[in-house]
Amino acid sequence: MALKGDRYELQTDVSFFMNEAAERGGCVTLASTSTPSGVAMDSSANVVTYVTNPSGKVPLGILLNDMVNIDLTRQHINFHKDELQKGGKVTVLRKGYVITNLVGSGTPTAGAYAYVADSGYISTSTRALILDLGAQPIGRFMTAKDADGYAKVEINLP
């Protein structure tokens, strides 16, 4: 489980698809093959992913759904866990805060800037800045990591 129940969702976006299995709570970016198309909410070109290398990528927000790849003829989606089938539309948090354990390198402290890191992790690391001088923070850490590895992160993306 990557997200705890304590969260504040001020602004979310439901105009993107995700074509891979993924755990909620990390920062998604536009897929490298994605060329978003205008205002079409159901365009299959609007694809997000957890990127291996965040350099030069556009962070969109925090993934709020678990993406699963299951045989829907044998079992059903667990809607109580916010599961969605791979290839479906996802909910992305643009403004608000979450408590997540997908915190990567660096030691978060209250007030430290949060950046997207490898594989959707959120980090205080300047690795993204070294690789891409235009990297912008996605928000700020509101707490340090607790004993279980969770930290409260405020997300504030334009």
Protein backbone atom coordinates (compact mmCIF):
# COMPACT_ATOMS: atom_id res chain seq x y z
CA MET A 1 0.00 0.00 0.00
CA ALA A 2 1.55 3.28 -1.06
CA LEU A 3 -1.07 5.78 0.08
CA LYS A 4 -2.67 6.20 3.46
CA GLY A 5 -6.23 7.42 3.86
CA ASP A 6 -5.26 10.87 5.14
CA ARG A 7 -5.19 13.02 2.02
CA TYR A 8 -6.63 16.24 0.67
CA GLU A 9 -7.64 16.30 -2.98
CA LEU A 10 -8.11 19.90 -4.03
CA GLN A 11 -7.65 19.36 -7.78
CA THR A 12 -7.59 16.09 -9.72
CA ASP A 13 -7.41 15.25 -13.42
CA VAL A 14 -9.11 12.29 -15.12
CA SER A 15 -8.04 12.85 -18.71
CA PHE A 16 -5.13 10.37 -18.88
CA PHE A 17 -4.75 6.62 -19.47
CA MET A 18 -2.13 4.28 -17.98
CA ASN A 19 -1.03 1.16 -19.87
CA GLU A 20 0.95 -0.64 -17.16
CA ALA A 21 0.42 -2.21 -13.76
CA ALA A 22 1.40 0.27 -11.05
CA GLU A 23 0.97 1.03 -7.37
CA ARG A 24 -0.73 4.27 -6.38
CA GLY A 25 1.15 7.01 -4.55
CA GLY A 26 3.95 7.87 -6.98
CA CYS A 27 4.39 10.78 -9.37
CA VAL A 28 3.34 10.06 -12.96
CA THR A 29 4.72 11.84 -16.00
CA LEU A 30 3.73 11.98 -19.63
CA ALA A 31 4.79 8.81 -21.44
CA SER A 32 7.68 9.26 -23.85
CA THR A 33 5.51 8.16 -26.77
CA SER A 34 2.62 10.34 -25.63
CA THR A 35 1.65 13.42 -27.60
CA PRO A 36 -1.40 14.77 -25.78
CA SER A 37 -4.08 15.88 -28.15
CA GLY A 38 -5.88 19.09 -27.41
CA VAL A 39 -8.99 18.94 -25.30
CA ALA A 40 -10.06 15.40 -26.21
CA MET A 41 -10.58 13.67 -22.85
CA ASP A 42 -10.86 10.23 -24.41
CA SER A 43 -7.84 10.43 -26.69
CA SER A 44 -5.67 7.33 -26.33
CA ALA A 45 -2.62 9.54 -26.92
CA ASN A 46 -2.97 10.99 -23.39
CA VAL A 47 -0.84 8.38 -21.57
CA VAL A 48 1.00 8.63 -18.23
CA THR A 49 3.68 6.38 -16.78
CA TYR A 50 6.25 5.96 -14.02
CA VAL A 51 9.43 6.82 -15.94
CA THR A 52 12.79 5.20 -15.30
CA ASN A 53 14.63 8.48 -15.84
CA PRO A 54 12.68 11.68 -15.03
CA SER A 55 15.09 13.99 -16.86
CA GLY A 56 13.20 16.15 -19.34
CA LYS A 57 9.83 14.61 -18.46
CA VAL A 58 6.69 16.55 -17.54
CA PRO A 59 5.38 15.58 -14.07
CA LEU A 60 1.59 15.53 -13.97
CA GLY A 61 0.80 14.57 -10.38
CA ILE A 62 0.28 11.71 -7.94
CA LEU A 63 -1.40 8.50 -9.13
CA LEU A 64 -4.49 7.83 -6.97
CA ASN A 65 -5.43 4.40 -8.39
CA ASP A 66 -3.79 0.97 -8.30
CA MET A 67 -3.38 -0.28 -11.86
CA VAL A 68 -3.78 -4.06 -12.08
CA ASN A 69 -3.58 -6.61 -14.87
CA ILE A 70 -6.08 -9.34 -13.99
CA ASP A 71 -8.32 -11.72 -15.92
CA LEU A 72 -11.69 -10.00 -15.67
CA THR A 73 -13.51 -13.20 -16.71
CA ARG A 74 -12.38 -14.86 -13.46
CA GLN A 75 -12.49 -12.05 -10.90
CA HIS A 76 -13.65 -8.49 -10.65
CA ILE A 77 -11.89 -5.23 -9.91
CA ASN A 78 -11.73 -4.30 -6.22
CA PHE A 79 -13.30 -0.84 -6.34
CA HIS A 80 -12.86 -0.40 -2.57
CA LYS A 81 -9.08 -0.35 -3.17
CA ASP A 82 -9.39 2.05 -6.13
CA GLU A 83 -8.16 -0.63 -8.55
CA LEU A 84 -8.41 -0.09 -12.29
CA GLN A 85 -7.61 -2.46 -15.14
CA LYS A 86 -4.39 -1.73 -17.04
CA GLY A 87 -5.18 0.54 -19.99
CA GLY A 88 -7.93 2.44 -18.19
CA LYS A 89 -8.28 6.07 -17.19
CA VAL A 90 -6.57 7.13 -13.99
CA THR A 91 -7.11 9.85 -11.42
CA VAL A 92 -4.10 12.13 -10.98
CA LEU A 93 -3.78 14.53 -8.04
CA ARG A 94 -2.62 17.98 -9.19
CA LYS A 95 -3.09 19.98 -5.97
CA GLY A 96 -3.49 18.76 -2.41
CA TYR A 97 -1.52 16.46 -0.14
CA VAL A 98 -0.98 12.72 0.32
CA ILE A 99 0.84 10.44 2.74
CA THR A 100 2.92 8.05 0.64
CA ASN A 101 5.75 5.56 1.09
CA LEU A 102 7.05 6.03 -2.46
CA VAL A 103 9.76 8.35 -1.16
CA GLY A 104 13.10 7.85 -2.86
CA SER A 105 16.59 9.12 -2.20
CA GLY A 106 17.37 12.01 0.07
CA THR A 107 16.17 12.69 3.59
CA PRO A 108 12.89 14.58 3.51
CA THR A 109 12.34 17.26 6.11
CA ALA A 110 9.38 19.55 6.60
CA GLY A 111 9.55 22.31 4.01
CA ALA A 112 12.02 20.59 1.67
CA TYR A 113 11.16 20.66 -2.03
CA ALA A 114 9.83 17.43 -3.56
CA TYR A 115 10.92 16.32 -7.03
CA VAL A 116 9.91 13.42 -9.25
CA ALA A 117 12.56 10.69 -9.16
CA ASP A 118 13.11 7.34 -10.89
CA SER A 119 10.13 4.99 -11.25
CA GLY A 120 7.60 7.45 -9.84
CA TYR A 121 9.32 7.95 -6.51
CA ILE A 122 9.29 11.37 -4.86
CA SER A 123 12.62 12.69 -3.67
CA THR A 124 14.48 15.64 -2.21
CA SER A 125 17.40 14.66 -4.41
CA THR A 126 18.79 17.13 -6.89
CA ARG A 127 19.49 14.31 -9.36
CA ALA A 128 16.72 15.65 -11.56
CA LEU A 129 18.30 19.10 -11.38
CA ILE A 130 21.72 17.77 -12.36
CA LEU A 131 20.30 15.92 -15.37
CA ASP A 132 17.80 18.61 -16.30
CA LEU A 133 18.48 22.16 -15.19
CA GLY A 134 14.85 23.08 -15.85
CA ALA A 135 13.44 20.58 -13.33
CA GLN A 136 10.77 22.12 -11.14
CA PRO A 137 9.57 20.85 -7.76
CA ILE A 138 6.19 19.12 -7.69
CA GLY A 139 5.56 20.40 -4.16
CA ARG A 140 7.02 20.23 -0.66
CA PHE A 141 7.46 17.63 2.03
CA MET A 142 5.32 18.47 5.05
CA THR A 143 6.96 15.86 7.33
CA ALA A 144 10.00 13.63 7.51
CA LYS A 145 9.68 9.88 6.87
CA ASP A 146 8.19 7.91 9.76
CA ALA A 147 9.37 4.46 10.93
CA ASP A 148 7.34 2.78 8.15
CA GLY A 149 8.79 5.02 5.42
CA TYR A 150 5.72 7.23 4.92
CA ALA A 151 5.93 11.00 4.50
CA LYS A 152 3.32 13.70 4.00
CA VAL A 153 3.82 15.51 0.68
CA GLU A 154 2.01 18.62 -0.52
CA ILE A 155 1.50 18.60 -4.30
CA ASN A 156 1.16 21.91 -6.11
CA LEU A 157 1.38 21.57 -9.88
CA PRO A 158 0.11 24.22 -12.30
